[in-house]
Amino acid sequence: MPDPSRPARAYTRRTVLKSAAVTTAGTALSPAVALAGATAPSVIAPGESAEIALSVNGREHVLTVEPRVTLLDALRERLGLTGTKKGCDRGECGACTVLVDGERVKACLTLAVMRQGSDITTVEGLADGDRLHPVQEAFIRHDAFQCGACTSGQVMSAVACIREGHAGTEAEIREWMSGNLCRCACYQNIVTAVADAAREVGR
């Protein structure tokens, strides 16, 4: 029988949901942790920081950041790589596009702590010394920019687009570059530059 001397616990919708969430998470995590023979990952309290190592443009960097810091902010504010632009900050414009393990990633939508062990390339890492990447040369040759706000993201996306084999026709280029927006509407010149660079890379 319940002890009448102890006050009854008040259950609210919030406490029930929180309890269920904790139980579910623990149940889901335990078998995976047991199979891997590892301990559960440590939880970083709000306001605390974590030390991470990022490989950017072939160089290793050790940073201390809050877990909520995006890769975009880590690149710009901590490493001084301002070629990666902050546009909409919602993953809509593509100005912050970088390559992570060779794939296009919008840096404003990924956390820096999630990218440890990955090979990250920004627009600063494309050139070989004083020699520009073929995509960079093509953008200059075909005047594929005006204000420049979207240019680095366009260039990075174009590099990946060509590597992926999606630069065979103008229609294909437009489709696979559609995640990068240009407020100056230089789309025709961008498409021409990507097609030209694709031919150059394919030689």
C-alpha atoms as a PDB file:
ATOM      1  CA  MET A   1       0.000   0.000   0.000  1.00  0.00           C
ATOM      2  CA  PRO A   2       1.227   3.533  -0.673  1.00  0.00           C
ATOM      3  CA  ASP A   3       2.707   5.416   2.220  1.00  0.00           C
ATOM      4  CA  PRO A   4       0.187   8.146   3.184  1.00  0.00           C
ATOM      5  CA  SER A   5       2.978  10.173   4.780  1.00  0.00           C
ATOM      6  CA  ARG A   6       4.652  10.720   1.367  1.00  0.00           C
ATOM      7  CA  PRO A   7       3.134  13.342  -0.923  1.00  0.00           C
ATOM      8  CA  ALA A   8       1.691  12.056  -4.166  1.00  0.00           C
ATOM      9  CA  ARG A   9       3.812  12.813  -7.214  1.00  0.00           C
ATOM     10  CA  ALA A  10       2.174  15.128  -9.729  1.00  0.00           C
ATOM     11  CA  TYR A  11       2.467  13.800 -13.257  1.00  0.00           C
ATOM     12  CA  THR A  12       2.170  16.302 -16.069  1.00  0.00           C
ATOM     13  CA  ARG A  13       2.177  15.761 -19.797  1.00  0.00           C
ATOM     14  CA  ARG A  14       5.705  17.166 -19.946  1.00  0.00           C
ATOM     15  CA  THR A  15       7.133  14.809 -17.288  1.00  0.00           C
ATOM     16  CA  VAL A  16       5.500  11.790 -18.906  1.00  0.00           C
ATOM     17  CA  LEU A  17       6.869  12.683 -22.345  1.00  0.00           C
ATOM     18  CA  LYS A  18      10.354  13.355 -20.972  1.00  0.00           C
ATOM     19  CA  SER A  19      10.376  10.053 -19.123  1.00  0.00           C
ATOM     20  CA  ALA A  20       9.242   8.172 -22.226  1.00  0.00           C
ATOM     21  CA  ALA A  21      11.882   9.865 -24.360  1.00  0.00           C
ATOM     22  CA  VAL A  22      14.701   8.990 -21.962  1.00  0.00           C
ATOM     23  CA  THR A  23      13.538   5.382 -21.706  1.00  0.00           C
ATOM     24  CA  THR A  24      13.234   5.015 -25.474  1.00  0.00           C
ATOM     25  CA  ALA A  25      16.632   6.567 -26.134  1.00  0.00           C
ATOM     26  CA  GLY A  26      18.306   4.347 -23.546  1.00  0.00           C
ATOM     27  CA  THR A  27      16.670   1.213 -24.932  1.00  0.00           C
ATOM     28  CA  ALA A  28      17.675   2.083 -28.487  1.00  0.00           C
ATOM     29  CA  LEU A  29      21.250   2.973 -27.565  1.00  0.00           C
ATOM     30  CA  SER A  30      22.091   0.125 -25.183  1.00  0.00           C
ATOM     31  CA  PRO A  31      22.195  -2.785 -27.722  1.00  0.00           C
ATOM     32  CA  ALA A  32      24.286  -0.741 -30.155  1.00  0.00           C
ATOM     33  CA  VAL A  33      26.728   0.245 -27.434  1.00  0.00           C
ATOM     34  CA  ALA A  34      26.930  -3.331 -26.172  1.00  0.00           C
ATOM     35  CA  LEU A  35      27.595  -4.707 -29.660  1.00  0.00           C
ATOM     36  CA  ALA A  36      30.320  -2.164 -30.290  1.00  0.00           C
ATOM     37  CA  GLY A  37      31.887  -2.843 -26.908  1.00  0.00           C
ATOM     38  CA  ALA A  38      31.969   0.882 -26.254  1.00  0.00           C
ATOM     39  CA  THR A  39      30.642   3.196 -23.607  1.00  0.00           C
ATOM     40  CA  ALA A  40      27.798   5.599 -24.254  1.00  0.00           C
ATOM     41  CA  PRO A  41      28.920   8.940 -25.696  1.00  0.00           C
ATOM     42  CA  SER A  42      29.414  11.682 -23.142  1.00  0.00           C
ATOM     43  CA  VAL A  43      26.849  14.454 -23.047  1.00  0.00           C
ATOM     44  CA  ILE A  44      28.058  18.035 -23.277  1.00  0.00           C
ATOM     45  CA  ALA A  45      26.071  20.336 -21.037  1.00  0.00           C
ATOM     46  CA  PRO A  46      24.671  23.606 -22.418  1.00  0.00           C
ATOM     47  CA  GLY A  47      27.313  26.300 -22.442  1.00  0.00           C
ATOM     48  CA  GLU A  48      30.216  23.836 -22.357  1.00  0.00           C
ATOM     49  CA  SER A  49      32.708  23.501 -25.204  1.00  0.00           C
ATOM     50  CA  ALA A  50      34.326  20.581 -26.988  1.00  0.00           C
ATOM     51  CA  GLU A  51      37.758  20.230 -28.537  1.00  0.00           C
ATOM     52  CA  ILE A  52      37.581  19.044 -32.138  1.00  0.00           C
ATOM     53  CA  ALA A  53      40.051  18.411 -34.949  1.00  0.00           C
ATOM     54  CA  LEU A  54      39.153  19.471 -38.483  1.00  0.00           C
ATOM     55  CA  SER A  55      41.076  18.682 -41.657  1.00  0.00           C
ATOM     56  CA  VAL A  56      40.601  21.662 -43.979  1.00  0.00           C
ATOM     57  CA  ASN A  57      42.381  22.106 -47.296  1.00  0.00           C
ATOM     58  CA  GLY A  58      44.966  19.516 -46.307  1.00  0.00           C
ATOM     59  CA  ARG A  59      45.781  21.074 -42.930  1.00  0.00           C
ATOM     60  CA  GLU A  60      44.806  19.870 -39.467  1.00  0.00           C
ATOM     61  CA  HIS A  61      43.225  22.363 -37.091  1.00  0.00           C
ATOM     62  CA  VAL A  62      42.316  21.853 -33.426  1.00  0.00           C
ATOM     63  CA  LEU A  63      39.471  24.062 -32.230  1.00  0.00           C
ATOM     64  CA  THR A  64      37.486  24.486 -29.050  1.00  0.00           C
ATOM     65  CA  VAL A  65      33.887  25.179 -29.958  1.00  0.00           C
ATOM     66  CA  GLU A  66      30.404  24.903 -28.537  1.00  0.00           C
ATOM     67  CA  PRO A  67      28.554  21.879 -29.946  1.00  0.00           C
ATOM     68  CA  ARG A  68      26.015  24.154 -31.669  1.00  0.00           C
ATOM     69  CA  VAL A  69      28.662  25.924 -33.816  1.00  0.00           C
ATOM     70  CA  THR A  70      28.078  25.267 -37.500  1.00  0.00           C
ATOM     71  CA  LEU A  71      30.838  24.263 -39.878  1.00  0.00           C
ATOM     72  CA  LEU A  72      30.257  27.577 -41.664  1.00  0.00           C
ATOM     73  CA  ASP A  73      30.946  29.631 -38.545  1.00  0.00           C
ATOM     74  CA  ALA A  74      33.938  27.492 -37.613  1.00  0.00           C
ATOM     75  CA  LEU A  75      35.472  28.058 -41.052  1.00  0.00           C
ATOM     76  CA  ARG A  76      34.786  31.781 -41.172  1.00  0.00           C
ATOM     77  CA  GLU A  77      35.074  32.931 -37.564  1.00  0.00           C
ATOM     78  CA  ARG A  78      37.645  30.513 -36.164  1.00  0.00           C
ATOM     79  CA  LEU A  79      39.850  29.635 -39.155  1.00  0.00           C
ATOM     80  CA  GLY A  80      39.534  32.892 -41.110  1.00  0.00           C
ATOM     81  CA  LEU A  81      38.471  31.094 -44.309  1.00  0.00           C
ATOM     82  CA  THR A  82      35.992  33.757 -45.383  1.00  0.00           C
ATOM     83  CA  GLY A  83      35.754  32.522 -48.963  1.00  0.00           C
ATOM     84  CA  THR A  84      32.861  30.388 -47.767  1.00  0.00           C
ATOM     85  CA  LYS A  85      30.000  32.884 -47.671  1.00  0.00           C
ATOM     86  CA  LYS A  86      27.109  33.217 -45.253  1.00  0.00           C
ATOM     87  CA  GLY A  87      23.994  33.920 -47.293  1.00  0.00           C
ATOM     88  CA  CYS A  88      20.569  32.821 -46.113  1.00  0.00           C
ATOM     89  CA  ASP A  89      21.947  30.716 -43.220  1.00  0.00           C
ATOM     90  CA  ARG A  90      19.069  28.282 -43.875  1.00  0.00           C
ATOM     91  CA  GLY A  91      20.524  26.028 -46.555  1.00  0.00           C
ATOM     92  CA  GLU A  92      18.487  27.618 -49.336  1.00  0.00           C
ATOM     93  CA  CYS A  93      20.988  29.690 -51.346  1.00  0.00           C
ATOM     94  CA  GLY A  94      24.087  27.460 -51.462  1.00  0.00           C
ATOM     95  CA  ALA A  95      26.557  30.321 -50.906  1.00  0.00           C
ATOM     96  CA  CYS A  96      28.207  28.304 -48.122  1.00  0.00           C
ATOM     97  CA  THR A  97      28.780  25.149 -50.210  1.00  0.00           C
ATOM     98  CA  VAL A  98      31.986  23.270 -49.406  1.00  0.00           C
ATOM     99  CA  LEU A  99      33.212  19.780 -50.231  1.00  0.00           C
ATOM    100  CA  VAL A 100      33.223  17.201 -47.444  1.00  0.00           C
ATOM    101  CA  ASP A 101      34.904  13.960 -48.496  1.00  0.00           C
ATOM    102  CA  GLY A 102      34.345  15.107 -52.084  1.00  0.00           C
ATOM    103  CA  GLU A 103      30.613  15.674 -51.713  1.00  0.00           C
ATOM    104  CA  ARG A 104      28.710  18.958 -51.713  1.00  0.00           C
ATOM    105  CA  VAL A 105      27.651  20.093 -48.259  1.00  0.00           C
ATOM    106  CA  LYS A 106      25.954  23.309 -47.187  1.00  0.00           C
ATOM    107  CA  ALA A 107      28.155  24.364 -44.298  1.00  0.00           C
ATOM    108  CA  CYS A 108      25.394  26.314 -42.545  1.00  0.00           C
ATOM    109  CA  LEU A 109      23.377  23.107 -42.074  1.00  0.00           C
ATOM    110  CA  THR A 110      26.065  20.897 -40.528  1.00  0.00           C
ATOM    111  CA  LEU A 111      27.711  21.148 -37.125  1.00  0.00           C
ATOM    112  CA  ALA A 112      31.482  21.402 -36.881  1.00  0.00           C
ATOM    113  CA  VAL A 113      31.605  18.614 -34.282  1.00  0.00           C
ATOM    114  CA  MET A 114      29.999  16.249 -36.811  1.00  0.00           C
ATOM    115  CA  ARG A 115      32.811  16.699 -39.324  1.00  0.00           C
ATOM    116  CA  GLN A 116      35.783  15.362 -37.390  1.00  0.00           C
ATOM    117  CA  GLY A 117      37.741  12.895 -39.512  1.00  0.00           C
ATOM    118  CA  SER A 118      36.333  14.289 -42.768  1.00  0.00           C
ATOM    119  CA  ASP A 119      38.366  15.868 -45.553  1.00  0.00           C
ATOM    120  CA  ILE A 120      36.966  19.393 -45.993  1.00  0.00           C
ATOM    121  CA  THR A 121      37.764  21.575 -49.000  1.00  0.00           C
ATOM    122  CA  THR A 122      36.840  25.245 -49.263  1.00  0.00           C
ATOM    123  CA  VAL A 123      37.287  27.585 -52.214  1.00  0.00           C
ATOM    124  CA  GLU A 124      40.675  28.604 -50.763  1.00  0.00           C
ATOM    125  CA  GLY A 125      41.886  25.038 -51.233  1.00  0.00           C
ATOM    126  CA  LEU A 126      41.059  24.623 -54.924  1.00  0.00           C
ATOM    127  CA  ALA A 127      44.026  26.403 -56.490  1.00  0.00           C
ATOM    128  CA  ASP A 128      47.379  24.673 -56.885  1.00  0.00           C
ATOM    129  CA  GLY A 129      49.677  27.443 -55.710  1.00  0.00           C
ATOM    130  CA  ASP A 130      49.246  30.302 -58.182  1.00  0.00           C
ATOM    131  CA  ARG A 131      47.462  28.060 -60.666  1.00  0.00           C
ATOM    132  CA  LEU A 132      43.692  28.326 -60.441  1.00  0.00           C
ATOM    133  CA  HIS A 133      41.383  25.336 -60.657  1.00  0.00           C
ATOM    134  CA  PRO A 134      39.864  24.891 -64.170  1.00  0.00           C
ATOM    135  CA  VAL A 135      36.441  25.829 -62.777  1.00  0.00           C
ATOM    136  CA  GLN A 136      37.797  29.066 -61.324  1.00  0.00           C
ATOM    137  CA  GLU A 137      39.471  29.891 -64.639  1.00  0.00           C
ATOM    138  CA  ALA A 138      36.256  29.169 -66.536  1.00  0.00           C
ATOM    139  CA  PHE A 139      34.209  31.419 -64.249  1.00  0.00           C
ATOM    140  CA  ILE A 140      36.635  34.276 -64.911  1.00  0.00           C
ATOM    141  CA  ARG A 141      36.804  33.556 -68.618  1.00  0.00           C
ATOM    142  CA  HIS A 142      33.035  33.583 -69.031  1.00  0.00           C
ATOM    143  CA  ASP A 143      32.320  36.389 -66.542  1.00  0.00           C
ATOM    144  CA  ALA A 144      30.108  34.049 -64.505  1.00  0.00           C
ATOM    145  CA  PHE A 145      29.627  36.419 -61.572  1.00  0.00           C
ATOM    146  CA  GLN A 146      28.697  39.977 -60.680  1.00  0.00           C
ATOM    147  CA  CYS A 147      28.401  40.790 -56.972  1.00  0.00           C
ATOM    148  CA  GLY A 148      30.349  37.660 -56.014  1.00  0.00           C
ATOM    149  CA  ALA A 149      28.194  36.733 -53.009  1.00  0.00           C
ATOM    150  CA  CYS A 150      27.313  33.324 -54.442  1.00  0.00           C
ATOM    151  CA  THR A 151      30.448  32.740 -56.493  1.00  0.00           C
ATOM    152  CA  SER A 152      32.479  30.574 -54.112  1.00  0.00           C
ATOM    153  CA  GLY A 153      29.481  28.329 -53.484  1.00  0.00           C
ATOM    154  CA  GLN A 154      28.778  28.124 -57.211  1.00  0.00           C
ATOM    155  CA  VAL A 155      32.408  27.203 -57.892  1.00  0.00           C
ATOM    156  CA  MET A 156      32.482  24.497 -55.219  1.00  0.00           C
ATOM    157  CA  SER A 157      29.191  23.046 -56.434  1.00  0.00           C
ATOM    158  CA  ALA A 158      30.449  23.122 -60.027  1.00  0.00           C
ATOM    159  CA  VAL A 159      33.592  21.193 -59.083  1.00  0.00           C
ATOM    160  CA  ALA A 160      31.456  18.472 -57.517  1.00  0.00           C
ATOM    161  CA  CYS A 161      28.951  18.556 -60.374  1.00  0.00           C
ATOM    162  CA  ILE A 162      31.727  17.819 -62.871  1.00  0.00           C
ATOM    163  CA  ARG A 163      33.264  15.080 -60.710  1.00  0.00           C
ATOM    164  CA  GLU A 164      29.860  13.457 -60.343  1.00  0.00           C
ATOM    165  CA  GLY A 165      29.473  13.330 -64.125  1.00  0.00           C
ATOM    166  CA  HIS A 166      26.478  15.662 -64.239  1.00  0.00           C
ATOM    167  CA  ALA A 167      27.822  18.218 -66.703  1.00  0.00           C
ATOM    168  CA  GLY A 168      27.000  16.515 -69.982  1.00  0.00           C
ATOM    169  CA  THR A 169      24.370  18.984 -71.207  1.00  0.00           C
ATOM    170  CA  GLU A 170      23.142  22.459 -70.282  1.00  0.00           C
ATOM    171  CA  ALA A 171      19.899  20.988 -68.976  1.00  0.00           C
ATOM    172  CA  GLU A 172      21.809  18.565 -66.770  1.00  0.00           C
ATOM    173  CA  ILE A 173      24.058  21.309 -65.428  1.00  0.00           C
ATOM    174  CA  ARG A 174      21.047  23.498 -64.611  1.00  0.00           C
ATOM    175  CA  GLU A 175      19.383  20.623 -62.780  1.00  0.00           C
ATOM    176  CA  TRP A 176      22.413  19.619 -60.713  1.00  0.00           C
ATOM    177  CA  MET A 177      23.405  23.226 -59.948  1.00  0.00           C
ATOM    178  CA  SER A 178      19.859  24.205 -58.938  1.00  0.00           C
ATOM    179  CA  GLY A 179      20.744  24.212 -55.237  1.00  0.00           C
ATOM    180  CA  ASN A 180      22.907  27.309 -55.765  1.00  0.00           C
ATOM    181  CA  LEU A 181      21.072  30.598 -56.293  1.00  0.00           C
ATOM    182  CA  CYS A 182      22.416  33.759 -57.940  1.00  0.00           C
ATOM    183  CA  ARG A 183      20.710  37.029 -57.100  1.00  0.00           C
ATOM    184  CA  CYS A 184      22.392  38.688 -60.100  1.00  0.00           C
ATOM    185  CA  ALA A 185      20.893  36.074 -62.465  1.00  0.00           C
ATOM    186  CA  CYS A 186      24.203  35.099 -64.090  1.00  0.00           C
ATOM    187  CA  TYR A 187      22.841  31.626 -64.720  1.00  0.00           C
ATOM    188  CA  GLN A 188      23.610  31.424 -68.433  1.00  0.00           C
ATOM    189  CA  ASN A 189      27.225  32.435 -67.892  1.00  0.00           C
ATOM    190  CA  ILE A 190      27.520  30.001 -64.976  1.00  0.00           C
ATOM    191  CA  VAL A 191      26.192  27.141 -67.089  1.00  0.00           C
ATOM    192  CA  THR A 192      28.572  28.049 -69.918  1.00  0.00           C
ATOM    193  CA  ALA A 193      31.498  28.185 -67.483  1.00  0.00           C
ATOM    194  CA  VAL A 194      30.664  24.797 -65.966  1.00  0.00           C
ATOM    195  CA  ALA A 195      30.350  23.204 -69.417  1.00  0.00           C
ATOM    196  CA  ASP A 196      33.664  24.732 -70.487  1.00  0.00           C
ATOM    197  CA  ALA A 197      35.425  23.571 -67.312  1.00  0.00           C
ATOM    198  CA  ALA A 198      34.000  20.066 -67.776  1.00  0.00           C
ATOM    199  CA  ARG A 199      35.559  19.883 -71.240  1.00  0.00           C
ATOM    200  CA  GLU A 200      38.869  21.147 -69.853  1.00  0.00           C
ATOM    201  CA  VAL A 201      38.909  18.604 -67.026  1.00  0.00           C
ATOM    202  CA  GLY A 202      37.974  15.815 -69.426  1.00  0.00           C
ATOM    203  CA  ARG A 203      40.938  16.401 -71.718  1.00  0.00           C
END
